[in-house]
Protein backbone atom coordinates (compact mmCIF):
# COMPACT_ATOMS: atom_id res chain seq x y z
CA MET A 1 10.16 63.91 -56.72
CA LYS A 2 12.05 60.43 -57.73
CA THR A 3 12.92 60.34 -54.05
CA LEU A 4 9.29 60.55 -52.94
CA ARG A 5 8.17 58.00 -55.60
CA LYS A 6 10.86 55.67 -54.38
CA SER A 7 9.68 56.03 -50.87
CA ILE A 8 6.13 55.12 -51.67
CA LYS A 9 7.25 52.03 -53.59
CA ILE A 10 9.11 50.97 -50.45
CA ILE A 11 6.25 51.60 -48.20
CA CYS A 12 3.84 49.69 -50.56
CA PHE A 13 6.16 46.81 -50.69
CA SER A 14 6.53 46.62 -47.00
CA VAL A 15 2.81 46.63 -46.62
CA LEU A 16 2.27 43.84 -49.14
CA LEU A 17 4.98 41.89 -47.39
CA LEU A 18 3.51 42.19 -44.01
CA LEU A 19 0.05 41.11 -45.21
CA ALA A 20 1.71 37.93 -46.80
CA VAL A 21 3.23 37.27 -43.63
CA CYS A 22 0.10 37.60 -41.62
CA LEU A 23 -1.81 35.47 -44.29
CA ILE A 24 0.75 32.65 -44.11
CA GLY A 25 0.90 32.63 -40.41
CA ALA A 26 -2.76 32.89 -39.89
CA CYS A 27 -4.91 29.58 -39.07
CA SER A 28 -8.22 28.85 -40.38
CA PRO A 29 -10.91 28.25 -37.68
CA GLN A 30 -10.71 24.57 -38.41
CA GLU A 31 -6.88 24.62 -37.92
CA GLU A 32 -7.13 26.57 -34.64
CA GLU A 33 -9.77 23.97 -33.30
CA ASN A 34 -7.44 21.14 -34.26
CA LYS A 35 -4.48 22.76 -32.64
CA GLU A 36 -6.52 23.26 -29.39
CA ASN A 37 -7.77 19.42 -29.72
CA THR A 38 -4.08 18.34 -29.51
CA GLN A 39 -2.94 20.29 -26.50
CA LYS A 40 -3.35 19.18 -22.93
CA ARG A 41 -6.86 19.91 -21.65
CA THR A 42 -8.39 19.75 -18.04
CA LEU A 43 -12.31 19.48 -18.25
CA GLU A 44 -14.75 19.54 -15.41
CA ILE A 45 -17.28 16.84 -16.28
CA THR A 46 -20.38 15.11 -14.71
CA PHE A 47 -21.85 11.71 -14.94
CA ASP A 48 -25.40 10.74 -14.16
CA ARG A 49 -26.41 7.72 -11.80
CA ASP A 50 -30.12 7.26 -11.14
CA GLU A 51 -31.14 10.90 -10.10
CA GLU A 52 -27.59 11.69 -8.66
CA THR A 53 -24.94 13.86 -10.47
CA ILE A 54 -21.44 12.87 -10.18
CA SER A 55 -18.79 15.46 -10.28
CA GLY A 56 -15.47 14.85 -11.98
CA ARG A 57 -12.43 16.20 -13.55
CA LEU A 58 -10.78 14.65 -16.87
CA TYR A 59 -7.20 15.31 -17.69
CA LEU A 60 -6.49 14.78 -21.53
CA PRO A 61 -2.81 14.56 -22.72
CA GLU A 62 -1.40 16.17 -25.94
CA GLY A 63 -2.58 14.70 -29.09
CA GLU A 64 -5.80 13.53 -30.96
CA GLY A 65 -6.33 10.22 -29.11
CA PRO A 66 -7.99 8.09 -28.39
CA PHE A 67 -6.07 7.65 -25.17
CA PRO A 68 -5.62 4.86 -22.68
CA ALA A 69 -7.23 6.07 -19.39
CA VAL A 70 -7.38 5.65 -15.66
CA ILE A 71 -10.26 6.27 -13.42
CA ILE A 72 -9.27 7.36 -10.03
CA CYS A 73 -11.38 6.47 -6.88
CA HIS A 74 -10.77 8.28 -3.67
CA GLY A 75 -11.08 6.73 -0.19
CA PHE A 76 -13.46 6.84 2.55
CA GLY A 77 -14.58 10.18 3.58
CA GLY A 78 -12.48 11.81 1.17
CA ASN A 79 -12.76 13.44 -2.46
CA MET A 80 -10.93 13.67 -5.63
CA GLN A 81 -8.75 16.57 -4.51
CA TYR A 82 -6.73 14.21 -2.51
CA LEU A 83 -5.56 12.48 -5.69
CA LEU A 84 -5.44 15.19 -8.32
CA GLN A 85 -1.59 14.71 -8.69
CA TYR A 86 -2.19 11.50 -10.24
CA GLY A 87 -4.43 12.93 -12.77
CA ARG A 88 -1.66 15.61 -13.85
CA PHE A 89 1.03 12.82 -13.84
CA PHE A 90 -0.75 10.46 -16.04
CA GLN A 91 -1.78 13.44 -18.39
CA GLU A 92 1.91 14.39 -18.59
CA ASN A 93 2.69 10.79 -19.75
CA GLY A 94 0.03 10.35 -22.38
CA ILE A 95 -2.57 8.78 -20.38
CA ALA A 96 -6.08 10.26 -19.89
CA ALA A 97 -7.13 10.45 -16.25
CA CYS A 98 -10.62 10.97 -14.67
CA ALA A 99 -10.90 11.71 -11.03
CA PHE A 100 -14.28 12.04 -9.40
CA ASP A 101 -16.29 12.37 -6.14
CA PHE A 102 -18.54 9.54 -4.97
CA VAL A 103 -21.99 10.64 -4.07
CA GLY A 104 -22.00 10.92 -0.12
CA GLY A 105 -18.51 9.68 -0.38
CA GLY A 106 -17.28 12.37 1.99
CA PRO A 107 -18.29 15.56 3.85
CA SER A 108 -16.84 17.77 1.06
CA SER A 109 -17.94 15.72 -1.93
CA ALA A 110 -18.65 17.89 -5.10
CA SER A 111 -21.14 15.38 -5.91
CA GLY A 112 -23.19 16.11 -3.02
CA GLY A 113 -25.08 13.44 -0.94
CA SER A 114 -24.75 12.24 2.74
CA MET A 115 -22.54 9.77 4.17
CA MET A 116 -25.44 8.43 6.01
CA GLU A 117 -27.00 7.53 2.67
CA MET A 118 -23.88 5.92 0.91
CA SER A 119 -22.63 2.48 0.91
CA VAL A 120 -20.21 0.21 -0.89
CA LEU A 121 -23.10 -0.66 -3.12
CA THR A 122 -24.03 2.90 -4.00
CA GLU A 123 -20.47 3.79 -4.60
CA GLU A 124 -19.98 0.84 -6.91
CA LYS A 125 -22.93 2.15 -8.89
CA ASP A 126 -21.23 5.52 -8.98
CA LEU A 127 -17.99 3.98 -10.33
CA GLU A 128 -20.00 1.89 -13.16
CA ALA A 129 -21.67 5.23 -14.07
CA VAL A 130 -18.26 6.87 -14.43
CA LEU A 131 -16.91 3.91 -16.33
CA ASP A 132 -20.03 3.99 -18.85
CA GLY A 133 -19.80 7.82 -19.25
CA LEU A 134 -15.89 7.95 -19.87
CA SER A 135 -16.11 4.87 -22.31
CA ALA A 136 -18.60 6.99 -24.50
CA ARG A 137 -16.24 9.83 -24.96
CA PRO A 138 -14.35 9.86 -28.26
CA GLU A 139 -11.07 10.70 -26.78
CA ILE A 140 -10.87 7.53 -24.71
CA ASP A 141 -9.53 4.20 -25.95
CA VAL A 142 -12.26 1.69 -24.51
CA GLU A 143 -9.86 -1.24 -24.89
CA ASN A 144 -7.44 0.25 -22.46
CA ILE A 145 -9.33 1.64 -19.26
CA PHE A 146 -7.86 0.94 -15.86
CA LEU A 147 -9.23 1.45 -12.47
CA ILE A 148 -7.23 2.92 -9.68
CA GLY A 149 -8.70 2.73 -6.11
CA SER A 150 -7.11 4.12 -2.90
CA SER A 151 -7.99 2.80 0.44
CA HIS A 152 -11.83 2.24 0.49
CA GLY A 153 -11.71 3.05 -3.20
CA GLY A 154 -9.74 -0.07 -3.75
CA PHE A 155 -12.54 -2.00 -2.22
CA ILE A 156 -14.90 -0.36 -4.62
CA ALA A 157 -12.62 -0.72 -7.76
CA THR A 158 -12.24 -4.44 -6.93
CA MET A 159 -16.11 -4.90 -6.86
CA THR A 160 -16.40 -3.13 -10.24
CA ALA A 161 -13.65 -5.04 -11.90
CA ALA A 162 -15.08 -8.34 -11.08
CA LYS A 163 -18.65 -7.15 -12.15
CA ARG A 164 -17.27 -5.67 -15.37
CA PRO A 165 -14.09 -7.64 -16.33
CA ASP A 166 -14.38 -7.01 -20.19
CA ASP A 167 -14.45 -3.24 -19.59
CA VAL A 168 -11.50 -2.93 -17.10
CA LYS A 169 -8.18 -3.60 -18.63
CA GLY A 170 -6.35 -3.57 -15.32
CA LEU A 171 -6.89 -2.81 -11.55
CA ILE A 172 -4.57 -0.92 -9.27
CA SER A 173 -5.18 -0.78 -5.43
CA LEU A 174 -3.23 1.53 -3.21
CA TYR A 175 -3.19 0.78 0.38
CA PRO A 176 -6.64 -0.93 -0.12
CA GLY A 177 -9.15 -1.29 2.61
CA TYR A 178 -9.68 -5.06 2.15
CA GLY A 179 -10.15 -5.42 5.92
CA ILE A 180 -13.09 -3.38 6.60
CA GLN A 181 -15.36 -6.19 6.87
CA ASP A 182 -13.40 -7.66 9.82
CA TYR A 183 -14.01 -4.52 11.63
CA LEU A 184 -17.65 -4.32 10.76
CA LYS A 185 -18.19 -7.96 12.10
CA THR A 186 -17.33 -6.78 15.41
CA LEU A 187 -20.30 -4.41 15.58
CA PRO A 188 -23.25 -6.53 16.28
CA ASP A 189 -24.33 -6.85 19.96
CA GLU A 190 -24.78 -10.16 21.77
CA ASN A 191 -28.19 -10.63 20.11
CA GLY A 192 -26.73 -10.14 16.67
CA GLU A 193 -28.22 -6.56 16.22
CA LEU A 194 -26.24 -4.01 14.22
CA PRO A 195 -26.14 -0.43 15.53
CA GLU A 196 -28.17 2.05 13.60
CA SER A 197 -25.00 4.06 12.92
CA VAL A 198 -21.24 3.92 13.43
CA GLU A 199 -18.47 6.37 13.49
CA MET A 200 -15.46 5.30 11.17
CA LEU A 201 -12.30 7.58 10.72
CA GLY A 202 -14.17 10.48 11.97
CA ASN A 203 -17.22 10.07 9.83
CA THR A 204 -20.57 8.58 10.58
CA VAL A 205 -22.29 5.96 8.38
CA SER A 206 -25.56 4.29 8.64
CA ARG A 207 -26.69 0.67 9.39
CA MET A 208 -27.21 0.36 5.52
CA TYR A 209 -23.52 0.92 5.10
CA ILE A 210 -22.66 -2.06 7.55
CA GLU A 211 -25.20 -4.25 6.07
CA ASP A 212 -24.23 -3.60 2.39
CA ALA A 213 -20.55 -3.91 3.08
CA LEU A 214 -21.04 -7.31 4.88
CA SER A 215 -23.30 -8.53 2.06
CA VAL A 216 -20.09 -8.43 -0.37
CA ASP A 217 -17.83 -11.35 -0.65
CA ILE A 218 -14.85 -9.41 -1.71
CA HIS A 219 -12.49 -12.55 -1.96
CA SER A 220 -14.90 -13.80 -4.56
CA CYS A 221 -14.68 -10.55 -6.23
CA MET A 222 -11.03 -10.84 -6.26
CA SER A 223 -11.10 -14.41 -7.78
CA ALA A 224 -13.56 -13.38 -10.38
CA TYR A 225 -11.43 -10.87 -11.99
CA PRO A 226 -9.06 -12.28 -14.49
CA GLY A 227 -7.23 -9.28 -15.43
CA PRO A 228 -3.82 -7.86 -14.32
CA VAL A 229 -3.60 -6.41 -10.80
CA LEU A 230 -1.25 -4.18 -9.02
CA ILE A 231 -1.26 -3.75 -5.39
CA ILE A 232 0.90 -1.13 -3.83
CA HIS A 233 0.73 -0.93 0.05
CA GLY A 234 2.89 0.53 2.80
CA THR A 235 4.20 -2.10 5.31
CA ALA A 236 3.68 0.17 8.28
CA ASP A 237 -0.04 0.95 7.46
CA ARG A 238 -2.11 1.04 10.83
CA ILE A 239 -5.39 2.02 9.10
CA ALA A 240 -5.43 -0.74 6.37
CA PRO A 241 -2.85 -3.25 7.56
CA TYR A 242 -0.56 -4.72 4.93
CA PHE A 243 -1.55 -8.17 5.77
CA TYR A 244 -4.70 -7.76 4.00
CA SER A 245 -2.87 -7.12 0.77
CA ILE A 246 -0.72 -10.06 1.14
CA ARG A 247 -3.72 -12.20 1.34
CA ALA A 248 -5.65 -10.50 -1.46
CA ALA A 249 -2.75 -11.29 -3.81
CA GLN A 250 -3.42 -14.80 -3.36
CA TYR A 251 -7.04 -14.60 -4.51
CA PHE A 252 -6.49 -12.58 -7.48
CA PRO A 253 -5.47 -14.74 -10.41
CA ASP A 254 -3.03 -12.32 -11.77
CA ALA A 255 -1.69 -10.03 -9.15
CA GLN A 256 1.56 -8.19 -8.34
CA LEU A 257 1.98 -7.02 -4.77
CA VAL A 258 4.69 -4.16 -4.27
CA PRO A 259 5.50 -3.34 -0.63
CA VAL A 260 6.56 0.22 0.27
CA GLU A 261 8.79 -0.39 3.39
CA GLY A 262 7.97 1.79 6.32
CA ALA A 263 5.13 3.76 4.60
CA GLY A 264 1.93 4.34 6.31
CA HIS A 265 -1.67 4.94 4.98
CA VAL A 266 -1.63 7.34 2.00
CA PHE A 267 1.69 7.91 0.32
CA GLN A 268 3.61 11.07 0.44
CA GLY A 269 6.78 12.54 -0.94
CA GLU A 270 9.23 9.92 -2.35
CA ASP A 271 6.85 7.13 -1.67
CA ASP A 272 4.18 8.91 -3.56
CA ASP A 273 6.57 9.32 -6.60
CA PHE A 274 7.51 5.72 -6.39
CA ALA A 275 3.93 4.64 -6.51
CA MET A 276 3.26 6.77 -9.68
CA GLU A 277 6.04 5.57 -11.64
CA THR A 278 5.07 1.94 -10.50
CA MET A 279 1.67 2.42 -11.64
CA LEU A 280 2.78 4.04 -15.10
CA ALA A 281 5.16 1.17 -15.78
CA PHE A 282 2.25 -1.32 -14.96
CA ILE A 283 -0.12 0.36 -17.29
CA LEU A 284 2.43 0.66 -20.13
CA GLU A 285 3.31 -2.89 -19.85
CA HIS A 286 -0.43 -4.08 -20.07
CA LEU A 287 -1.71 -1.78 -22.94
CA ASN A 288 -3.19 -3.49 -26.00
């Protein structure tokens, strides 16, 4: 009998101990929410521009924020999928990153739209909408938002930085398409008439694209942006020749040009790793 009572006491003590451990280890709903908010998160988000919806992806680092942020702009005919490695890289290094698809920016744009209805002016409006939407989020440090533009996206990011210098802490251009206007100037016929459409890099754009692009004084945009600028460009780029970045660096008031010897258009492998590390160093150097 004594043995039975002793066994019952041991069982009861074990049950109480187990309950205590569970209670100590359990988190309240608020604690669980706070824990989730401090972990890395990747969110599918949207922005509104006129009657268009812009699709994007937001990478948030660990911690409560607000975080410095980069907005990543893809190139002509592309989409954000080509640059998502940058989003993950910045997320791992404590910087929020937002990648998005321009409306009509490419055949596979998640934002929809047609390339026949896009131009540098519509894409600049898209980027402003993303800048405004991202700035309104509590996780983002509005004093430290940087723009990253690749190829054609570099042209768009430069336009936006010039228009919104107080909202753009710094500008990064990767193999930027600053020479696009020189090509477009060759399109008028002997009477000065522009074609109704033109094929560029395997995609067709309309006369509106040509007219809008030629209406922009990109060198005035460069001169108008007072913030720090980083240009990273391959010296063997045949699509967006390196020469244009050499000239651009002379127009920006505060520009650093970093050549990638022998690299072509769009970085890969070690060149891409180098570009990411160079961008990170630039951003950390210029944070408030």
